[in-house]
């Protein structure tokens, strides 16, 4: 069934209910552990590359292979639309620990690729499913802010990885310890298993093939969202994953100085999760998304062309601010434009198209970085964000949409109230 923008007014309140806080706390645990585990491949890139004696281009190819494997994460979402959100989330959480364990204790390039592929599959499952669960559980007036808080928990996990990065400098293979620590997230599994609720919007119903759902009128929302996700990922994945590589091996920064720069200025930029959530709930998803894309593009390109420490710091701040502002506004709109019976699947396919964007970005990097340089390659990929800004203008505004209360007939709905499945 499809959400209506005209649900009862008390669901649009601007304060968190007790049930909202519970869901946010539990999904934030998921986000924190996923943020730490999912960021280790990028954080340890300079050390892994030297251990395995790989070039930047070869490392970019490995990133592309891992992203390709993560396309399998859509299977968790398909299960979520048939059997509920809770069990696939917990299964993905356990898979993430297994992948980290393989990376830590099996010392070979194939094992590294397999382990990190499992981690990426789980991350691809956890992120959209958690956002769907938050969107369906939280009051409409705080939905985007709630997604921002979930994103903030993930960012704190990423930050913890940066704080622990000196461990990777102890010896040639000590970076494996950082992957082993990700398995400690399993200590939270009993808490999540007992208290994580099933979505109040989900109810068992006959499944709808996603291709059929697109034919019922959802394609006009799906393809612009997918295009935005593709171009953002094609730019941001290489731009983010080569940050430490540029600072440490490109500009000859000490690891401690590079880590400090990232912790401080990306930490300041993470406020975009709360800023973007507040703005998306107050002024709308579209204007917030457009602003986020413009800010992120400016900072991301600037980082690869500027050498001065202060300019690099400003670029890191702007790129992080833009990326984090995008998370709640785009995440909320992505959930709000699809009906309950295909919401998780639609979100996962958009995520998969983002993965294809990441693969494309890394594949382009594998071909171009060793030939024309990292900075020029990242700038060329940044052109896609300009296309993304145009695509945002093609989408309807969804602020205040009720995802649970009202159900409408599956035909004849307006673009802002697509038919419910």
Protein backbone atom coordinates (compact mmCIF):
# COMPACT_ATOMS: atom_id res chain seq x y z
CA UNK A 1 0.00 0.00 0.00
CA UNK A 2 1.14 3.50 -0.65
CA UNK A 3 1.81 6.29 1.77
CA UNK A 4 -0.30 9.42 1.74
CA UNK A 5 0.92 12.93 2.42
CA UNK A 6 -2.28 13.60 4.30
CA UNK A 7 -1.98 11.30 7.31
CA UNK A 8 -3.22 12.39 10.71
CA UNK A 9 -1.50 15.45 12.10
CA UNK A 10 -0.10 13.88 15.24
CA UNK A 11 2.18 11.69 13.11
CA UNK A 12 3.86 14.83 11.78
CA UNK A 13 5.00 16.00 15.19
CA UNK A 14 8.52 17.37 15.44
CA UNK A 15 9.54 15.49 18.60
CA UNK A 16 10.65 11.89 19.07
CA UNK A 17 8.20 9.50 20.72
CA UNK A 18 9.52 6.83 23.16
CA UNK A 19 9.09 4.19 20.46
CA UNK A 20 11.06 6.40 18.05
CA UNK A 21 13.95 6.62 20.52
CA UNK A 22 14.05 2.86 20.95
CA UNK A 23 14.27 2.20 17.23
CA UNK A 24 16.93 4.90 16.82
CA UNK A 25 19.05 3.48 19.63
CA UNK A 26 19.01 -0.05 18.22
CA UNK A 27 19.53 0.94 14.58
CA UNK A 28 22.32 3.26 15.71
CA UNK A 29 24.15 0.24 17.12
CA UNK A 30 23.85 -1.36 13.69
CA UNK A 31 25.02 1.83 12.03
CA UNK A 32 28.00 2.28 14.37
CA UNK A 33 29.37 -1.22 13.86
CA UNK A 34 28.66 -1.10 10.11
CA UNK A 35 30.38 2.28 9.86
CA UNK A 36 33.51 0.94 11.54
CA UNK A 37 33.65 -2.36 9.63
CA UNK A 38 32.77 -0.84 6.27
CA UNK A 39 35.41 1.90 6.45
CA UNK A 40 38.41 -0.28 7.25
CA UNK A 41 39.18 -1.16 3.65
CA UNK A 42 39.56 2.53 2.81
CA UNK A 43 41.38 3.43 6.04
CA UNK A 44 43.96 0.68 5.66
CA UNK A 45 44.44 1.15 1.91
CA UNK A 46 47.98 2.64 2.18
CA UNK A 47 49.12 -0.27 4.37
CA UNK A 48 47.32 -3.05 2.50
CA UNK A 49 48.67 -1.76 -0.79
CA UNK A 50 52.26 -1.86 0.45
CA UNK A 51 51.83 -5.28 2.11
CA UNK A 52 50.60 -6.83 -1.14
CA UNK A 53 52.90 -4.65 -3.33
CA UNK A 54 50.05 -3.24 -5.43
CA UNK A 55 49.85 -0.02 -7.46
CA UNK A 56 47.07 2.54 -6.93
CA UNK A 57 45.46 1.36 -10.16
CA UNK A 58 45.54 -2.28 -9.03
CA UNK A 59 44.04 -1.32 -5.68
CA UNK A 60 41.29 0.55 -7.51
CA UNK A 61 40.57 -2.66 -9.47
CA UNK A 62 40.24 -4.60 -6.16
CA UNK A 63 37.79 -2.00 -4.89
CA UNK A 64 35.78 -2.49 -8.08
CA UNK A 65 35.69 -6.29 -7.62
CA UNK A 66 34.52 -5.95 -4.02
CA UNK A 67 31.80 -3.51 -5.03
CA UNK A 68 30.67 -5.90 -7.77
CA UNK A 69 30.25 -8.73 -5.26
CA UNK A 70 28.22 -6.47 -2.99
CA UNK A 71 25.43 -6.37 -5.56
CA UNK A 72 24.23 -9.56 -3.89
CA UNK A 73 23.02 -7.44 -0.98
CA UNK A 74 19.74 -6.95 -2.84
CA UNK A 75 18.76 -10.49 -1.83
CA UNK A 76 18.40 -9.33 1.77
CA UNK A 77 16.03 -6.57 0.67
CA UNK A 78 13.89 -8.91 -1.39
CA UNK A 79 13.55 -11.10 1.68
CA UNK A 80 12.65 -8.03 3.74
CA UNK A 81 9.70 -7.19 1.49
CA UNK A 82 8.39 -10.76 1.84
CA UNK A 83 9.17 -11.66 5.46
CA UNK A 84 9.84 -8.40 7.28
CA UNK A 85 12.75 -6.05 7.89
CA UNK A 86 14.08 -7.43 11.19
CA UNK A 87 15.48 -10.89 10.32
CA UNK A 88 17.39 -9.81 7.18
CA UNK A 89 18.96 -6.97 9.18
CA UNK A 90 20.19 -9.37 11.84
CA UNK A 91 21.47 -11.85 9.24
CA UNK A 92 23.43 -9.12 7.45
CA UNK A 93 24.91 -8.00 10.77
CA UNK A 94 26.24 -11.51 11.41
CA UNK A 95 27.63 -11.77 7.86
CA UNK A 96 29.56 -8.54 8.39
CA UNK A 97 31.40 -10.09 11.33
CA UNK A 98 32.27 -13.19 9.30
CA UNK A 99 33.75 -11.11 6.48
CA UNK A 100 35.87 -9.09 8.90
CA UNK A 101 37.11 -12.30 10.52
CA UNK A 102 38.22 -13.72 7.15
CA UNK A 103 40.04 -10.48 6.28
CA UNK A 104 41.86 -10.48 9.61
CA UNK A 105 43.05 -14.07 9.77
CA UNK A 106 43.54 -15.32 6.20
CA UNK A 107 46.67 -13.57 4.82
CA UNK A 108 46.29 -13.53 1.03
CA UNK A 109 44.89 -11.26 -1.66
CA UNK A 110 42.03 -13.67 -2.57
CA UNK A 111 41.05 -13.96 1.12
CA UNK A 112 41.17 -10.17 1.45
CA UNK A 113 38.85 -9.79 -1.54
CA UNK A 114 36.44 -12.50 -0.33
CA UNK A 115 36.31 -11.18 3.23
CA UNK A 116 35.74 -7.59 2.19
CA UNK A 117 33.16 -8.69 -0.38
CA UNK A 118 31.15 -10.27 2.44
CA UNK A 119 31.49 -7.09 4.48
CA UNK A 120 30.30 -4.96 1.58
CA UNK A 121 27.35 -7.27 0.91
CA UNK A 122 26.29 -6.86 4.53
CA UNK A 123 26.78 -3.08 4.48
CA UNK A 124 24.71 -2.85 1.30
CA UNK A 125 21.96 -4.77 3.09
CA UNK A 126 22.14 -3.00 6.47
CA UNK A 127 22.10 0.60 5.27
CA UNK A 128 18.92 0.61 3.13
CA UNK A 129 17.05 -1.82 5.38
CA UNK A 130 17.80 0.25 8.47
CA UNK A 131 16.70 3.41 6.68
CA UNK A 132 13.47 1.71 5.58
CA UNK A 133 12.82 0.51 9.14
CA UNK A 134 13.47 3.99 10.55
CA UNK A 135 11.27 5.59 7.90
CA UNK A 136 8.39 3.23 8.65
CA UNK A 137 8.70 3.47 12.43
CA UNK A 138 9.35 7.17 13.07
CA UNK A 139 6.88 10.03 13.11
CA UNK A 140 6.74 11.87 9.79
CA UNK A 141 7.93 15.16 11.29
CA UNK A 142 11.24 13.68 12.50
CA UNK A 143 11.83 11.02 9.83
CA UNK A 144 14.73 12.68 8.02
CA UNK A 145 16.32 13.76 11.30
CA UNK A 146 16.10 10.16 12.52
CA UNK A 147 17.87 8.96 9.39
CA UNK A 148 20.48 11.63 10.05
CA UNK A 149 21.02 10.29 13.58
CA UNK A 150 21.44 6.79 12.16
CA UNK A 151 24.01 8.21 9.74
CA UNK A 152 25.73 9.99 12.63
CA UNK A 153 26.14 6.66 14.43
CA UNK A 154 27.76 5.26 11.30
CA UNK A 155 30.08 8.25 11.13
CA UNK A 156 31.11 7.69 14.74
CA UNK A 157 32.04 4.15 13.77
CA UNK A 158 34.14 5.52 10.91
CA UNK A 159 35.73 7.96 13.36
CA UNK A 160 36.63 5.15 15.74
CA UNK A 161 38.43 3.45 12.87
CA UNK A 162 40.50 6.60 12.32
CA UNK A 163 41.32 6.87 16.01
CA UNK A 164 42.59 3.29 15.98
CA UNK A 165 44.57 3.70 12.74
CA UNK A 166 47.97 3.94 14.54
CA UNK A 167 47.57 0.21 15.20
CA UNK A 168 48.22 -0.33 11.48
CA UNK A 169 51.67 1.27 11.83
CA UNK A 170 53.01 -1.16 14.44
CA UNK A 171 54.32 -3.59 11.83
CA UNK A 172 53.74 -4.67 8.24
CA UNK A 173 50.61 -6.73 8.92
CA UNK A 174 49.19 -5.12 12.08
CA UNK A 175 46.42 -3.52 9.99
CA UNK A 176 44.69 -6.91 10.27
CA UNK A 177 43.95 -6.18 13.94
CA UNK A 178 41.60 -3.39 12.87
CA UNK A 179 39.51 -5.87 10.88
CA UNK A 180 39.49 -8.34 13.77
CA UNK A 181 38.06 -5.67 16.08
CA UNK A 182 34.99 -5.38 13.84
CA UNK A 183 33.88 -8.83 14.98
CA UNK A 184 33.36 -7.48 18.52
CA UNK A 185 30.12 -6.01 17.21
CA UNK A 186 28.62 -9.46 17.69
CA UNK A 187 28.52 -8.71 21.42
CA UNK A 188 25.48 -6.53 20.64
CA UNK A 189 23.71 -9.30 18.72
CA UNK A 190 21.68 -10.64 21.70
CA UNK A 191 20.40 -7.13 22.47
CA UNK A 192 19.41 -6.53 18.85
CA UNK A 193 17.86 -9.96 18.50
CA UNK A 194 15.66 -9.43 21.55
CA UNK A 195 14.59 -5.80 21.22
CA UNK A 196 14.79 -4.74 17.55
CA UNK A 197 11.12 -4.45 16.46
CA UNK A 198 9.55 -5.43 13.20
CA UNK A 199 8.30 -2.51 11.12
CA UNK A 200 4.77 -1.38 12.01
CA UNK A 201 4.17 -0.72 8.30
CA UNK A 202 5.02 -4.26 7.24
CA UNK A 203 2.37 -6.94 7.04
CA UNK A 204 2.58 -10.27 5.17
CA UNK A 205 1.09 -9.89 1.72
CA UNK A 206 1.53 -11.39 -1.76
CA UNK A 207 4.77 -10.14 -3.24
CA UNK A 208 4.86 -7.92 -6.31
CA UNK A 209 7.69 -8.46 -8.82
CA UNK A 210 9.70 -5.27 -8.87
CA UNK A 211 9.56 -5.06 -12.66
CA UNK A 212 5.76 -5.12 -12.44
CA UNK A 213 5.84 -2.39 -9.80
CA UNK A 214 7.84 -0.19 -12.17
CA UNK A 215 5.20 -0.76 -14.81
CA UNK A 216 2.52 0.41 -12.37
CA UNK A 217 3.92 3.95 -12.45
CA UNK A 218 6.86 3.80 -10.07
CA UNK A 219 9.48 4.02 -12.85
CA UNK A 220 9.10 7.81 -13.08
CA UNK A 221 10.45 8.05 -9.52
CA UNK A 222 12.83 5.11 -9.59
CA UNK A 223 15.04 6.11 -12.51
CA UNK A 224 15.81 9.69 -11.38
CA UNK A 225 16.62 8.36 -7.89
CA UNK A 226 18.77 5.64 -9.41
CA UNK A 227 20.58 8.17 -11.60
CA UNK A 228 21.36 10.37 -8.61
CA UNK A 229 22.67 7.37 -6.67
CA UNK A 230 24.81 6.25 -9.62
CA UNK A 231 26.55 9.56 -10.24
CA UNK A 232 27.06 10.33 -6.56
CA UNK A 233 28.67 6.94 -5.96
CA UNK A 234 30.84 7.10 -9.09
CA UNK A 235 32.35 10.33 -7.75
CA UNK A 236 32.33 9.85 -3.99
CA UNK A 237 33.65 6.27 -3.77
CA UNK A 238 37.06 6.92 -5.36
CA UNK A 239 37.19 10.43 -3.88
CA UNK A 240 36.67 9.10 -0.35
CA UNK A 241 38.66 5.87 -0.53
CA UNK A 242 41.81 7.57 -1.83
CA UNK A 243 41.90 10.36 0.77
CA UNK A 244 44.51 8.74 3.01
CA UNK A 245 46.40 7.47 -0.03
CA UNK A 246 46.74 11.06 -1.28
CA UNK A 247 47.76 12.46 2.09
CA UNK A 248 50.20 9.71 3.11
CA UNK A 249 51.72 8.47 -0.16
CA UNK A 250 50.89 11.43 -2.42
CA UNK A 251 51.69 14.44 -0.21
CA UNK A 252 54.06 12.60 2.18
CA UNK A 253 52.08 13.42 5.30
CA UNK A 254 52.77 11.47 8.47
CA UNK A 255 49.97 9.03 9.26
CA UNK A 256 49.28 10.80 12.57
CA UNK A 257 48.90 14.19 10.88
CA UNK A 258 46.66 12.78 8.16
CA UNK A 259 44.54 11.02 10.74
CA UNK A 260 44.24 14.20 12.83
CA UNK A 261 43.16 16.23 9.81
CA UNK A 262 40.46 13.72 8.91
CA UNK A 263 39.20 13.25 12.46
CA UNK A 264 38.85 16.97 13.17
CA UNK A 265 37.52 18.33 9.90
CA UNK A 266 35.46 15.37 8.75
CA UNK A 267 34.16 15.28 12.32
CA UNK A 268 32.99 18.87 11.97
CA UNK A 269 31.47 18.04 8.60
CA UNK A 270 29.45 15.19 10.07
CA UNK A 271 27.17 17.83 11.59
CA UNK A 272 25.62 17.78 8.12
CA UNK A 273 23.68 14.70 9.20
CA UNK A 274 21.75 16.74 11.74
CA UNK A 275 21.67 19.89 9.61
CA UNK A 276 20.46 17.95 6.57
CA UNK A 277 17.87 16.08 8.63
CA UNK A 278 16.48 19.28 10.16
CA UNK A 279 16.42 21.11 6.82
CA UNK A 280 14.81 18.17 5.01
CA UNK A 281 12.03 18.00 7.63
CA UNK A 282 11.49 21.78 7.63
CA UNK A 283 12.03 23.09 4.10
CA UNK A 284 11.84 19.87 2.09
CA UNK A 285 13.87 17.03 0.60
CA UNK A 286 14.60 18.59 -2.79
CA UNK A 287 16.26 21.88 -1.77
CA UNK A 288 18.31 20.09 0.90
CA UNK A 289 19.53 17.49 -1.59
CA UNK A 290 20.51 20.11 -4.17
CA UNK A 291 22.48 22.10 -1.59
CA UNK A 292 24.20 18.93 -0.35
CA UNK A 293 25.30 17.91 -3.85
CA UNK A 294 26.74 21.34 -4.63
CA UNK A 295 28.65 21.55 -1.34
CA UNK A 296 30.00 18.00 -1.65
CA UNK A 297 31.21 18.57 -5.21
CA UNK A 298 33.07 21.74 -4.24
CA UNK A 299 34.86 20.10 -1.33
CA UNK A 300 35.59 16.81 -3.08
CA UNK A 301 37.27 18.35 -6.12
CA UNK A 302 39.08 20.92 -4.00
CA UNK A 303 40.76 18.24 -1.89
CA UNK A 304 42.53 16.72 -4.90
CA UNK A 305 43.78 20.02 -6.33
CA UNK A 306 44.88 21.91 -3.22
CA UNK A 307 48.08 21.17 -1.32
CA UNK A 308 47.99 23.65 1.58
CA UNK A 309 46.96 22.13 4.90
CA UNK A 310 44.24 24.71 5.61
CA UNK A 311 42.75 24.40 2.14
CA UNK A 312 42.78 20.63 2.47
CA UNK A 313 41.06 20.96 5.83
CA UNK A 314 38.37 23.19 4.35
CA UNK A 315 37.87 20.79 1.46
CA UNK A 316 37.49 17.83 3.81
CA UNK A 317 34.94 19.78 5.86
CA UNK A 318 32.88 20.80 2.81
CA UNK A 319 32.95 17.38 1.17
CA UNK A 320 31.90 15.68 4.41
CA UNK A 321 29.23 18.31 5.08
CA UNK A 322 27.73 17.81 1.63
CA UNK A 323 27.86 14.01 1.81
CA UNK A 324 26.28 13.89 5.25
CA UNK A 325 23.58 16.43 4.43
CA UNK A 326 22.61 14.21 1.50
CA UNK A 327 22.11 11.09 3.63
CA UNK A 328 18.90 12.06 5.51
CA UNK A 329 17.23 14.03 2.72
CA UNK A 330 17.87 11.50 -0.04
CA UNK A 331 17.29 8.53 2.27
CA UNK A 332 13.90 9.82 3.40
CA UNK A 333 12.74 10.66 -0.12
CA UNK A 334 13.92 7.29 -1.41
CA UNK A 335 11.71 5.55 1.15
CA UNK A 336 8.73 7.88 0.79
CA UNK A 337 8.29 7.48 -2.95
CA UNK A 338 7.66 3.72 -2.87
CA UNK A 339 4.88 1.53 -1.42
CA UNK A 340 5.37 -0.77 1.55
CA UNK A 341 5.41 -4.05 -0.40
CA UNK A 342 8.32 -2.95 -2.62
CA UNK A 343 9.94 -0.27 -0.48
CA UNK A 344 12.92 -2.34 0.70
CA UNK A 345 13.46 -3.86 -2.75
CA UNK A 346 13.30 -0.45 -4.45
CA UNK A 347 15.74 0.97 -1.93
CA UNK A 348 18.09 -1.98 -2.44
CA UNK A 349 17.99 -1.69 -6.24
CA UNK A 350 18.82 2.00 -5.96
CA UNK A 351 21.67 1.01 -3.68
CA UNK A 352 22.77 -1.58 -6.24
CA UNK A 353 22.79 1.03 -8.96
CA UNK A 354 24.90 3.14 -6.63
CA UNK A 355 27.25 0.17 -6.37
CA UNK A 356 27.41 0.01 -10.15
CA UNK A 357 28.31 3.69 -9.96
CA UNK A 358 31.08 2.85 -7.48
CA UNK A 359 32.33 0.07 -9.73
CA UNK A 360 32.29 2.44 -12.69
CA UNK A 361 34.18 5.06 -10.71
CA UNK A 362 36.84 2.58 -9.60
CA UNK A 363 37.04 1.01 -13.06
CA UNK A 364 37.60 4.44 -14.58
CA UNK A 365 40.19 5.00 -11.87
CA UNK A 366 41.92 1.73 -12.70
CA UNK A 367 42.28 2.92 -16.31
CA UNK A 368 42.96 6.63 -15.81
CA UNK A 369 44.67 7.22 -12.44
CA UNK A 370 48.04 5.78 -13.47
CA UNK A 371 47.83 7.72 -16.77
CA UNK A 372 46.40 11.17 -16.05
CA UNK A 373 46.61 11.35 -12.29
CA UNK A 374 44.26 11.00 -9.34
CA UNK A 375 43.14 14.65 -9.22
CA UNK A 376 42.10 14.86 -12.88
CA UNK A 377 40.27 11.53 -12.65
CA UNK A 378 38.26 12.60 -9.59
CA UNK A 379 37.35 15.92 -11.23
CA UNK A 380 36.07 14.17 -14.36
CA UNK A 381 33.88 11.93 -12.21
CA UNK A 382 32.55 15.00 -10.40
CA UNK A 383 30.71 16.11 -13.54
CA UNK A 384 28.09 13.49 -12.72
CA UNK A 385 26.99 15.47 -9.65
CA UNK A 386 25.86 18.30 -11.92
CA UNK A 387 23.63 15.78 -13.70
CA UNK A 388 22.38 14.62 -10.30
CA UNK A 389 21.28 18.14 -9.37
CA UNK A 390 19.14 18.25 -12.51
CA UNK A 391 17.60 14.85 -11.70
CA UNK A 392 16.60 16.06 -8.23
CA UNK A 393 14.42 18.71 -9.85
CA UNK A 394 12.48 15.95 -11.63
CA UNK A 395 11.26 14.40 -8.36
CA UNK A 396 8.20 15.42 -6.31
CA UNK A 397 8.58 16.85 -2.80
CA UNK A 398 7.68 14.25 -0.15
CA UNK A 399 8.11 16.12 3.15
CA UNK A 400 5.46 15.09 5.71
CA UNK A 401 4.32 11.95 3.90
CA UNK A 402 2.68 9.32 6.13
CA UNK A 403 3.99 5.81 5.45
CA UNK A 404 1.64 3.87 7.71
CA UNK A 405 -1.70 5.42 8.55
CA UNK A 406 -3.47 5.83 5.26
CA UNK A 407 -3.77 3.30 2.49
CA UNK A 408 -5.09 4.20 -0.94
CA UNK A 409 -6.20 2.29 -4.00
CA UNK A 410 -3.48 0.96 -6.30
CA UNK A 411 -4.53 3.03 -9.29
CA UNK A 412 -5.13 6.65 -10.10
CA UNK A 413 -2.83 8.07 -7.43
CA UNK A 414 -0.96 11.31 -7.87
CA UNK A 415 2.85 11.35 -8.30
CA UNK A 416 3.18 12.18 -4.60
CA UNK A 417 0.97 9.27 -3.53
CA UNK A 418 2.04 6.29 -5.67
CA UNK A 419 -0.10 3.17 -5.44
CA UNK A 420 0.50 0.94 -2.44
CA UNK A 421 1.58 -2.62 -2.92
